[in-house]
Amino acid sequence: MATIAPEQLSVFERKQIERAIGKRKRYKYVRPTVRVVPEGLLVESPCCSRRIDPAGGTVDIALLQHLHSGEWRLYRKDHSTAEWKLHSLHKRLVDLLEPLKDDRERIFWQ
C-alpha cells in the first residue's frame, strides 16, 4: 500500500502525535521527538534503560505511516535486528496512539 508523503501530514496531526507521546506511561522524564523521515514519522527518544544503547544515545521508538486508504500503520523497532516490525493497523490516528502511550508490554518504550 502506498503511503502519504510525511511532509503532507497536517500540523494538527503532528501536534496530536506530540501531545499523545507526552501523555505516555513509560519514561516520562525524557523528551521524545517526532520527525519526518522518508518512511513516515519517526518517534525517537534518549535511551532510558541503557539496554538498547549503553551509551545512552537516541533510540528509535516507533514509526508511523499514513496510507492513501486513510489507515495508519504503527511499527515498533526490533533493536536486536535493527528492523521495523509492523505492530498494528488503525483506521484513525487516535486509535494508533493508544498502544504507543500505554505500552504495558514495553515494546516501544524499552
Protein backbone atom coordinates (compact mmCIF):
# COMPACT_ATOMS: atom_id res chain seq x y z
CA MET A 1 0.00 0.00 0.00
CA ALA A 2 1.24 3.45 -0.83
CA THR A 3 1.83 5.93 1.95
CA ILE A 4 1.13 9.63 2.07
CA ALA A 5 4.33 11.69 2.00
CA PRO A 6 5.09 12.58 5.65
CA GLU A 7 5.55 16.24 4.79
CA GLN A 8 1.90 16.31 3.64
CA LEU A 9 0.57 15.47 7.10
CA SER A 10 -1.23 18.36 8.71
CA VAL A 11 0.22 20.39 11.54
CA PHE A 12 -2.77 19.20 13.58
CA GLU A 13 -1.81 15.53 13.07
CA ARG A 14 1.79 16.16 14.07
CA LYS A 15 0.72 18.06 17.19
CA GLN A 16 -1.73 15.28 18.04
CA ILE A 17 1.15 12.78 17.93
CA GLU A 18 3.40 15.01 20.03
CA ARG A 19 0.67 15.52 22.65
CA ALA A 20 -0.03 11.79 22.80
CA ILE A 21 3.57 10.78 23.41
CA GLY A 22 3.71 13.48 26.08
CA LYS A 23 0.97 11.53 27.89
CA ARG A 24 2.76 8.18 27.74
CA LYS A 25 3.08 5.99 30.83
CA ARG A 26 6.72 4.95 30.40
CA TYR A 27 9.90 7.04 30.72
CA LYS A 28 8.12 10.31 31.37
CA TYR A 29 11.38 12.04 32.29
CA VAL A 30 12.83 12.03 28.75
CA ARG A 31 11.79 14.25 25.85
CA PRO A 32 10.98 12.24 22.74
CA THR A 33 10.80 13.92 19.36
CA VAL A 34 8.73 13.37 16.25
CA ARG A 35 10.44 13.99 12.95
CA VAL A 36 9.73 13.45 9.29
CA VAL A 37 11.74 10.67 7.62
CA PRO A 38 11.27 9.23 4.12
CA GLU A 39 9.33 6.24 5.53
CA GLY A 40 6.88 8.30 7.63
CA LEU A 41 7.00 9.92 11.06
CA LEU A 42 9.71 8.72 13.43
CA VAL A 43 9.34 8.89 17.20
CA GLU A 44 12.73 8.80 18.87
CA SER A 45 13.91 9.37 22.40
CA PRO A 46 17.03 9.47 24.53
CA CYS A 47 17.71 5.91 25.70
CA CYS A 48 16.30 5.45 29.17
CA SER A 49 17.19 1.95 30.31
CA ARG A 50 20.55 1.74 28.51
CA ARG A 51 19.57 -1.80 27.48
CA ILE A 52 19.26 -0.66 23.88
CA ASP A 53 22.14 1.84 23.85
CA PRO A 54 24.58 1.50 26.75
CA ALA A 55 25.96 4.96 25.92
CA GLY A 56 22.53 6.50 26.44
CA GLY A 57 22.14 7.84 22.91
CA THR A 58 18.94 8.47 20.96
CA VAL A 59 16.91 5.38 20.02
CA ASP A 60 14.02 4.73 17.67
CA ILE A 61 10.69 4.22 19.44
CA ALA A 62 8.06 3.98 16.70
CA LEU A 63 7.41 4.64 13.03
CA LEU A 64 4.00 5.90 11.91
CA GLN A 65 2.76 5.75 8.33
CA HIS A 66 -0.43 7.24 6.90
CA LEU A 67 -1.75 5.22 3.95
CA HIS A 68 -3.63 6.62 0.97
CA SER A 69 -6.55 4.43 2.07
CA GLY A 70 -6.78 6.63 5.16
CA GLU A 71 -5.48 3.96 7.52
CA TRP A 72 -2.44 4.29 9.76
CA ARG A 73 0.36 1.79 10.35
CA LEU A 74 2.29 1.62 13.60
CA TYR A 75 5.71 -0.04 13.64
CA ARG A 76 7.93 -0.97 16.55
CA LYS A 77 11.71 -1.25 16.34
CA ASP A 78 13.31 -4.64 16.85
CA HIS A 79 16.62 -3.35 18.17
CA SER A 80 18.28 -6.78 18.03
CA THR A 81 17.93 -6.84 14.23
CA ALA A 82 17.62 -3.06 13.64
CA GLU A 83 14.40 -3.70 11.70
CA TRP A 84 10.94 -2.14 11.86
CA LYS A 85 8.18 -4.66 12.65
CA LEU A 86 4.54 -3.93 11.93
CA HIS A 87 2.71 -3.65 15.23
CA SER A 88 -0.81 -2.68 14.14
CA LEU A 89 -3.05 -1.07 11.54
CA HIS A 90 -5.66 1.53 12.53
CA LYS A 91 -8.46 3.42 10.82
CA ARG A 92 -7.90 6.51 12.98
CA LEU A 93 -4.76 8.22 14.26
CA VAL A 94 -6.22 8.50 17.76
CA ASP A 95 -6.54 4.69 17.90
CA LEU A 96 -2.95 4.20 16.75
CA LEU A 97 -1.68 6.44 19.54
CA GLU A 98 -3.20 4.39 22.38
CA PRO A 99 -0.72 1.47 22.27
CA LEU A 100 2.13 3.95 21.93
CA LYS A 101 1.01 5.82 25.06
CA ASP A 102 0.09 2.80 27.19
CA ASP A 103 2.77 0.25 26.18
CA ARG A 104 2.32 -2.13 29.12
CA GLU A 105 4.50 -4.74 27.42
CA ARG A 106 7.33 -2.26 26.76
CA ILE A 107 7.58 -2.99 23.08
CA PHE A 108 8.00 0.67 22.17
CA TRP A 109 9.45 2.30 25.30
CA GLN A 110 12.16 -0.22 26.12
